[in-house]
C-alpha atoms as a PDB file:
ATOM      1  CA  MET A   1     111.150 103.834 110.981  1.00  0.00           C
ATOM      2  CA  LYS A   2     109.371 102.942 107.221  1.00  0.00           C
ATOM      3  CA  LEU A   3     109.418 100.867 104.593  1.00  0.00           C
ATOM      4  CA  TYR A   4     108.236 101.936 101.743  1.00  0.00           C
ATOM      5  CA  PHE A   5     106.628  99.707  99.197  1.00  0.00           C
ATOM      6  CA  SER A   6     104.373  97.912  96.504  1.00  0.00           C
ATOM      7  CA  ARG A   7     102.286  94.930  95.608  1.00  0.00           C
ATOM      8  CA  ASN A   8     105.021  94.239  92.681  1.00  0.00           C
ATOM      9  CA  PRO A   9     106.926  90.579  94.314  1.00  0.00           C
ATOM     10  CA  ASN A  10     110.342  91.669  95.541  1.00  0.00           C
ATOM     11  CA  PRO A  11     107.986  94.443  97.726  1.00  0.00           C
ATOM     12  CA  ARG A  12     105.175  92.795  98.395  1.00  0.00           C
ATOM     13  CA  LEU A  13     108.850  90.202 100.029  1.00  0.00           C
ATOM     14  CA  ALA A  14     110.036  93.194 102.121  1.00  0.00           C
ATOM     15  CA  VAL A  15     106.735  93.705 103.724  1.00  0.00           C
ATOM     16  CA  ALA A  16     105.937  89.887 104.237  1.00  0.00           C
ATOM     17  CA  VAL A  17     109.260  89.599 106.359  1.00  0.00           C
ATOM     18  CA  ALA A  18     108.147  92.904 108.162  1.00  0.00           C
ATOM     19  CA  ARG A  19     105.271  91.494 109.141  1.00  0.00           C
ATOM     20  CA  TYR A  20     106.056  88.353 109.849  1.00  0.00           C
ATOM     21  CA  LEU A  21     108.727  89.841 112.200  1.00  0.00           C
ATOM     22  CA  ASP A  22     106.100  92.154 113.312  1.00  0.00           C
ATOM     23  CA  ALA A  23     108.901  94.676 113.626  1.00  0.00           C
ATOM     24  CA  THR A  24     107.978  97.986 114.862  1.00  0.00           C
ATOM     25  CA  ILE A  25     107.768 100.285 111.510  1.00  0.00           C
ATOM     26  CA  GLU A  26     105.440 102.269 109.218  1.00  0.00           C
ATOM     27  CA  PHE A  27     104.354 101.314 105.435  1.00  0.00           C
ATOM     28  CA  GLU A  28     104.045 103.757 102.783  1.00  0.00           C
ATOM     29  CA  PHE A  29     102.870 102.658  99.336  1.00  0.00           C
ATOM     30  CA  ALA A  30     105.112 104.137  96.877  1.00  0.00           C
ATOM     31  CA  ALA A  31     105.235 104.688  92.950  1.00  0.00           C
ATOM     32  CA  PRO A  32     108.969 106.698  92.362  1.00  0.00           C
ATOM     33  CA  LEU A  33     108.770 105.989  88.755  1.00  0.00           C
ATOM     34  CA  GLU A  34     105.381 107.881  88.362  1.00  0.00           C
ATOM     35  CA  PRO A  35     105.998 111.220  86.324  1.00  0.00           C
ATOM     36  CA  GLY A  36     106.905 113.904  89.813  1.00  0.00           C
ATOM     37  CA  GLN A  37     107.341 111.455  92.299  1.00  0.00           C
ATOM     38  CA  SER A  38     111.661 111.101  91.251  1.00  0.00           C
ATOM     39  CA  GLU A  39     112.647 113.982  93.542  1.00  0.00           C
ATOM     40  CA  ARG A  40     111.661 112.403  96.610  1.00  0.00           C
ATOM     41  CA  TYR A  41     112.861 109.059  96.468  1.00  0.00           C
ATOM     42  CA  LEU A  42     116.368 109.132  95.018  1.00  0.00           C
ATOM     43  CA  PRO A  43     117.929 110.531  97.528  1.00  0.00           C
ATOM     44  CA  LEU A  44     116.832 106.950  99.394  1.00  0.00           C
ATOM     45  CA  ASN A  45     117.525 104.621  96.424  1.00  0.00           C
ATOM     46  CA  PRO A  46     119.368 105.967  93.854  1.00  0.00           C
ATOM     47  CA  ASN A  47     117.772 103.470  91.332  1.00  0.00           C
ATOM     48  CA  LEU A  48     114.253 104.646  92.310  1.00  0.00           C
ATOM     49  CA  LEU A  49     113.096 101.304  92.839  1.00  0.00           C
ATOM     50  CA  LEU A  50     111.527  99.205  95.962  1.00  0.00           C
ATOM     51  CA  PRO A  51     111.813  98.544  98.664  1.00  0.00           C
ATOM     52  CA  ILE A  52     113.036 100.598 100.512  1.00  0.00           C
ATOM     53  CA  LEU A  53     113.875 101.208 104.495  1.00  0.00           C
ATOM     54  CA  GLU A  54     113.809 104.731 105.249  1.00  0.00           C
ATOM     55  CA  ARG A  55     115.249 104.677 108.990  1.00  0.00           C
ATOM     56  CA  PRO A  56     117.794 106.331 111.315  1.00  0.00           C
ATOM     57  CA  GLY A  57     121.144 107.351 109.690  1.00  0.00           C
ATOM     58  CA  ARG A  58     120.966 105.595 105.710  1.00  0.00           C
ATOM     59  CA  SER A  59     117.880 104.606 104.492  1.00  0.00           C
ATOM     60  CA  LEU A  60     118.562 100.632 103.220  1.00  0.00           C
ATOM     61  CA  TRP A  61     117.175  99.439  99.854  1.00  0.00           C
ATOM     62  CA  GLU A  62     117.040  95.711  97.985  1.00  0.00           C
ATOM     63  CA  THR A  63     114.851  93.118  99.255  1.00  0.00           C
ATOM     64  CA  ASP A  64     117.070  90.391 100.988  1.00  0.00           C
ATOM     65  CA  ALA A  65     119.745  93.425 102.656  1.00  0.00           C
ATOM     66  CA  ILE A  66     116.281  94.907 104.663  1.00  0.00           C
ATOM     67  CA  ALA A  67     115.201  91.408 105.440  1.00  0.00           C
ATOM     68  CA  CYS A  68     118.698  91.069 106.907  1.00  0.00           C
ATOM     69  CA  TYR A  69     118.724  94.344 108.506  1.00  0.00           C
ATOM     70  CA  LEU A  70     114.782  93.758 109.864  1.00  0.00           C
ATOM     71  CA  SER A  71     115.391  90.368 111.480  1.00  0.00           C
ATOM     72  CA  ARG A  72     118.533  91.355 113.451  1.00  0.00           C
ATOM     73  CA  HIS A  73     117.504  94.550 114.709  1.00  0.00           C
ATOM     74  CA  THR A  74     113.548  92.292 116.116  1.00  0.00           C
ATOM     75  CA  GLY A  75     116.544  89.056 118.314  1.00  0.00           C
ATOM     76  CA  SER A  76     115.245  86.632 115.337  1.00  0.00           C
ATOM     77  CA  ASN A  77     117.223  84.164 113.921  1.00  0.00           C
ATOM     78  CA  PHE A  78     114.696  84.262 110.336  1.00  0.00           C
ATOM     79  CA  TRP A  79     118.059  85.882 108.770  1.00  0.00           C
ATOM     80  CA  ARG A  80     119.843  82.930 109.933  1.00  0.00           C
ATOM     81  CA  THR A  81     123.284  83.740 112.017  1.00  0.00           C
ATOM     82  CA  ASP A  82     124.503  81.021 113.392  1.00  0.00           C
ATOM     83  CA  ASP A  83     126.485  77.416 111.671  1.00  0.00           C
ATOM     84  CA  ASP A  84     123.132  77.826 109.836  1.00  0.00           C
ATOM     85  CA  GLU A  85     123.393  80.764 107.785  1.00  0.00           C
ATOM     86  CA  PRO A  86     126.058  79.530 104.716  1.00  0.00           C
ATOM     87  CA  GLU A  87     122.841  76.719 103.902  1.00  0.00           C
ATOM     88  CA  MET A  88     120.482  80.455 103.775  1.00  0.00           C
ATOM     89  CA  ILE A  89     122.787  82.214 101.514  1.00  0.00           C
ATOM     90  CA  ARG A  90     123.185  78.940  99.039  1.00  0.00           C
ATOM     91  CA  TRP A  91     119.816  78.862  98.835  1.00  0.00           C
ATOM     92  CA  MET A  92     118.899  82.300  98.627  1.00  0.00           C
ATOM     93  CA  SER A  93     122.113  82.391  95.591  1.00  0.00           C
ATOM     94  CA  TRP A  94     120.269  79.444  94.651  1.00  0.00           C
ATOM     95  CA  ALA A  95     116.960  80.714  93.912  1.00  0.00           C
ATOM     96  CA  LYS A  96     117.957  84.272  92.157  1.00  0.00           C
ATOM     97  CA  ASP A  97     119.583  81.971  88.958  1.00  0.00           C
ATOM     98  CA  ASN A  98     117.303  79.828  89.280  1.00  0.00           C
ATOM     99  CA  PHE A  99     113.590  78.389  90.545  1.00  0.00           C
ATOM    100  CA  VAL A 100     112.751  82.484  91.547  1.00  0.00           C
ATOM    101  CA  LYS A 101     114.407  83.233  87.898  1.00  0.00           C
ATOM    102  CA  ALA A 102     111.800  80.770  86.034  1.00  0.00           C
ATOM    103  CA  CYS A 103     109.022  81.663  88.033  1.00  0.00           C
ATOM    104  CA  ASP A 104     110.236  85.349  86.800  1.00  0.00           C
ATOM    105  CA  ALA A 105     110.042  84.892  83.646  1.00  0.00           C
ATOM    106  CA  VAL A 106     107.248  82.311  83.293  1.00  0.00           C
ATOM    107  CA  HIS A 107     104.875  85.998  85.142  1.00  0.00           C
ATOM    108  CA  TRP A 108     106.694  88.485  83.262  1.00  0.00           C
ATOM    109  CA  GLU A 109     105.589  87.441  80.032  1.00  0.00           C
ATOM    110  CA  ARG A 110     102.014  86.042  81.030  1.00  0.00           C
ATOM    111  CA  GLY A 111     101.100  88.421  83.986  1.00  0.00           C
ATOM    112  CA  THR A 112     103.464  92.030  84.015  1.00  0.00           C
ATOM    113  CA  LYS A 113     103.259  92.169  80.384  1.00  0.00           C
ATOM    114  CA  PRO A 114      99.533  92.305  80.464  1.00  0.00           C
ATOM    115  CA  ARG A 115      98.516  93.507  83.108  1.00  0.00           C
ATOM    116  CA  TYR A 116     100.763  96.497  82.516  1.00  0.00           C
ATOM    117  CA  GLY A 117     100.341  97.298  78.564  1.00  0.00           C
ATOM    118  CA  ILE A 118     104.247  96.527  77.534  1.00  0.00           C
ATOM    119  CA  GLY A 119     103.932  93.773  74.794  1.00  0.00           C
ATOM    120  CA  THR A 120     101.940  90.528  73.705  1.00  0.00           C
ATOM    121  CA  CYS A 121     102.998  86.937  76.049  1.00  0.00           C
ATOM    122  CA  GLU A 122     105.998  85.896  73.980  1.00  0.00           C
ATOM    123  CA  GLU A 123     104.943  82.222  74.016  1.00  0.00           C
ATOM    124  CA  GLU A 124     108.696  81.158  73.604  1.00  0.00           C
ATOM    125  CA  GLN A 125     110.071  82.794  76.333  1.00  0.00           C
ATOM    126  CA  VAL A 126     106.766  81.274  78.451  1.00  0.00           C
ATOM    127  CA  GLU A 127     108.299  77.998  76.979  1.00  0.00           C
ATOM    128  CA  ASN A 128     111.748  78.957  77.950  1.00  0.00           C
ATOM    129  CA  GLY A 129     110.369  79.775  80.932  1.00  0.00           C
ATOM    130  CA  LEU A 130     109.472  76.762  81.589  1.00  0.00           C
ATOM    131  CA  LYS A 131     111.826  74.217  80.998  1.00  0.00           C
ATOM    132  CA  GLN A 132     113.925  76.090  83.576  1.00  0.00           C
ATOM    133  CA  PHE A 133     110.854  75.852  85.948  1.00  0.00           C
ATOM    134  CA  HIS A 134     111.034  72.098  85.503  1.00  0.00           C
ATOM    135  CA  ARG A 135     114.747  71.678  86.241  1.00  0.00           C
ATOM    136  CA  ALA A 136     114.609  73.994  89.354  1.00  0.00           C
ATOM    137  CA  ALA A 137     110.951  72.440  91.019  1.00  0.00           C
ATOM    138  CA  THR A 138     112.959  68.466  90.298  1.00  0.00           C
ATOM    139  CA  LEU A 139     116.099  69.825  92.368  1.00  0.00           C
ATOM    140  CA  LEU A 140     113.393  71.623  94.746  1.00  0.00           C
ATOM    141  CA  GLU A 141     111.034  69.358  95.264  1.00  0.00           C
ATOM    142  CA  ALA A 142     113.093  66.266  96.461  1.00  0.00           C
ATOM    143  CA  GLU A 143     115.259  69.339  98.985  1.00  0.00           C
ATOM    144  CA  LEU A 144     111.636  69.130 100.325  1.00  0.00           C
ATOM    145  CA  ALA A 145     110.880  65.522 100.278  1.00  0.00           C
ATOM    146  CA  ASP A 146     111.961  65.136 103.814  1.00  0.00           C
ATOM    147  CA  ARG A 147     111.352  68.556 106.200  1.00  0.00           C
ATOM    148  CA  MET A 148     109.460  70.934 106.740  1.00  0.00           C
ATOM    149  CA  TRP A 149     111.693  74.400 105.576  1.00  0.00           C
ATOM    150  CA  LEU A 150     115.345  74.988 103.967  1.00  0.00           C
ATOM    151  CA  VAL A 151     117.054  75.384 106.382  1.00  0.00           C
ATOM    152  CA  GLY A 152     117.089  73.594 109.540  1.00  0.00           C
ATOM    153  CA  ASP A 153     113.003  73.033 111.584  1.00  0.00           C
ATOM    154  CA  THR A 154     112.089  76.325 111.401  1.00  0.00           C
ATOM    155  CA  ILE A 155     111.082  78.406 108.695  1.00  0.00           C
ATOM    156  CA  SER A 156     114.258  81.091 107.378  1.00  0.00           C
ATOM    157  CA  PHE A 157     114.035  83.599 104.960  1.00  0.00           C
ATOM    158  CA  ALA A 158     115.530  81.608 102.337  1.00  0.00           C
ATOM    159  CA  ASP A 159     112.239  79.955 103.137  1.00  0.00           C
ATOM    160  CA  PHE A 160     110.251  83.230 101.200  1.00  0.00           C
ATOM    161  CA  ARG A 161     112.955  84.367  98.994  1.00  0.00           C
ATOM    162  CA  MET A 162     112.441  80.797  97.321  1.00  0.00           C
ATOM    163  CA  ALA A 163     108.224  81.250  97.061  1.00  0.00           C
ATOM    164  CA  THR A 164     109.062  84.849  96.127  1.00  0.00           C
ATOM    165  CA  PHE A 165     106.974  84.832  92.493  1.00  0.00           C
ATOM    166  CA  LEU A 166     104.304  81.249  94.274  1.00  0.00           C
ATOM    167  CA  PRO A 167     101.559  84.360  95.342  1.00  0.00           C
ATOM    168  CA  PHE A 168     101.229  85.483  92.029  1.00  0.00           C
ATOM    169  CA  ASN A 169     100.874  82.265  90.400  1.00  0.00           C
ATOM    170  CA  ASP A 170      97.255  83.124  89.783  1.00  0.00           C
ATOM    171  CA  ALA A 171      98.514  85.345  86.488  1.00  0.00           C
ATOM    172  CA  ALA A 172     102.031  82.745  85.704  1.00  0.00           C
ATOM    173  CA  LYS A 173      99.784  79.620  86.628  1.00  0.00           C
ATOM    174  CA  LEU A 174     103.601  77.637  87.063  1.00  0.00           C
ATOM    175  CA  PRO A 175     101.938  73.617  87.610  1.00  0.00           C
ATOM    176  CA  ILE A 176     103.069  73.747  91.270  1.00  0.00           C
ATOM    177  CA  SER A 177     100.467  70.989  91.760  1.00  0.00           C
ATOM    178  CA  ASP A 178     102.946  68.924  89.773  1.00  0.00           C
ATOM    179  CA  TYR A 179     105.289  68.982  92.638  1.00  0.00           C
ATOM    180  CA  PRO A 180     104.071  67.400  95.863  1.00  0.00           C
ATOM    181  CA  ALA A 181     106.335  68.451  98.241  1.00  0.00           C
ATOM    182  CA  ILE A 182     106.640  72.430  97.232  1.00  0.00           C
ATOM    183  CA  GLN A 183     102.718  71.689  97.032  1.00  0.00           C
ATOM    184  CA  ARG A 184     102.994  70.897 100.465  1.00  0.00           C
ATOM    185  CA  TRP A 185     105.771  73.888 101.989  1.00  0.00           C
ATOM    186  CA  SER A 186     103.986  76.666  99.716  1.00  0.00           C
ATOM    187  CA  ASP A 187     100.505  75.789 101.262  1.00  0.00           C
ATOM    188  CA  ARG A 188     103.228  76.512 104.852  1.00  0.00           C
ATOM    189  CA  LEU A 189     104.005  79.329 103.918  1.00  0.00           C
ATOM    190  CA  ASN A 190     100.403  79.610 102.916  1.00  0.00           C
ATOM    191  CA  ASP A 191      99.523  79.407 106.643  1.00  0.00           C
ATOM    192  CA  ILE A 192     101.645  82.169 107.933  1.00  0.00           C
ATOM    193  CA  GLU A 193      99.299  85.361 107.842  1.00  0.00           C
ATOM    194  CA  ALA A 194     101.607  87.717 107.143  1.00  0.00           C
ATOM    195  CA  TRP A 195     103.087  85.707 104.396  1.00  0.00           C
ATOM    196  CA  ARG A 196      99.624  85.080 103.192  1.00  0.00           C
ATOM    197  CA  ASP A 197      98.719  88.461 102.966  1.00  0.00           C
ATOM    198  CA  PRO A 198     101.062  90.811 103.810  1.00  0.00           C
ATOM    199  CA  PHE A 199      98.777  93.436 102.852  1.00  0.00           C
ATOM    200  CA  ALA A 200      95.902  93.432 105.868  1.00  0.00           C
ATOM    201  CA  GLY A 201      94.973  96.389 106.914  1.00  0.00           C
ATOM    202  CA  LEU A 202      97.584  98.218 104.855  1.00  0.00           C
ATOM    203  CA  ASP A 203      97.186 101.286 102.404  1.00  0.00           C
ATOM    204  CA  ALA A 204      98.048  98.994  99.327  1.00  0.00           C
ATOM    205  CA  PRO A 205      96.245 100.240  95.848  1.00  0.00           C
ATOM    206  CA  PRO A 206      95.876  97.042  94.322  1.00  0.00           C
ATOM    207  CA  MET A 207      97.182  96.063  91.207  1.00  0.00           C
ATOM    208  CA  PRO A 208      95.567  96.481  88.134  1.00  0.00           C
ATOM    209  CA  PRO A 209      93.263  93.742  86.801  1.00  0.00           C
ATOM    210  CA  LEU A 210      94.594  91.257  84.741  1.00  0.00           C
ATOM    211  CA  PRO A 211      92.553  91.304  80.584  1.00  0.00           C
ATOM    212  CA  VAL A 212      90.191  88.773  80.311  1.00  0.00           C
END
């Protein structure tokens, strides 16, 4: 199997999952939207987006689907298949419409746009994103106040999904430290090598630097 990836948030998440699970897999840095590349990747993903898992039979795209497949393929309960599965999916769903969505909105303005030269940071959008972030973080803080992980007593994909944008907080500058339980949870994730540096040893060109 081969995982096509970039350093952007969702591909990074897929690489982190694969390395955390110690999946037997090849990794290849890819840029399907670059000129002359679409013909190669269209049969693998008609959206031309990463990550893509090339496997026997039909390729698989979308990060959550890849995480589910790799967890099952390695025999791990990282993607819950027991009675905790509904709770894991609840947190994944909530994250995408709340915490992750807010982090993404702020990172888009402060990180992605200046990094790739696709527009100036719009402070009104940043403020809107920060308001949503504080609403979501308040709820998440309460949930994490008396537990280490989101689902049960061990880490699950819900934790990785919820934290999708935290490795990019050097650009987004979200006030994570205002929420001690979230900060402790983020620190626990950073203790995991596969999360902290999923690209270690891989051929993965760095992202364009942020303008000074």
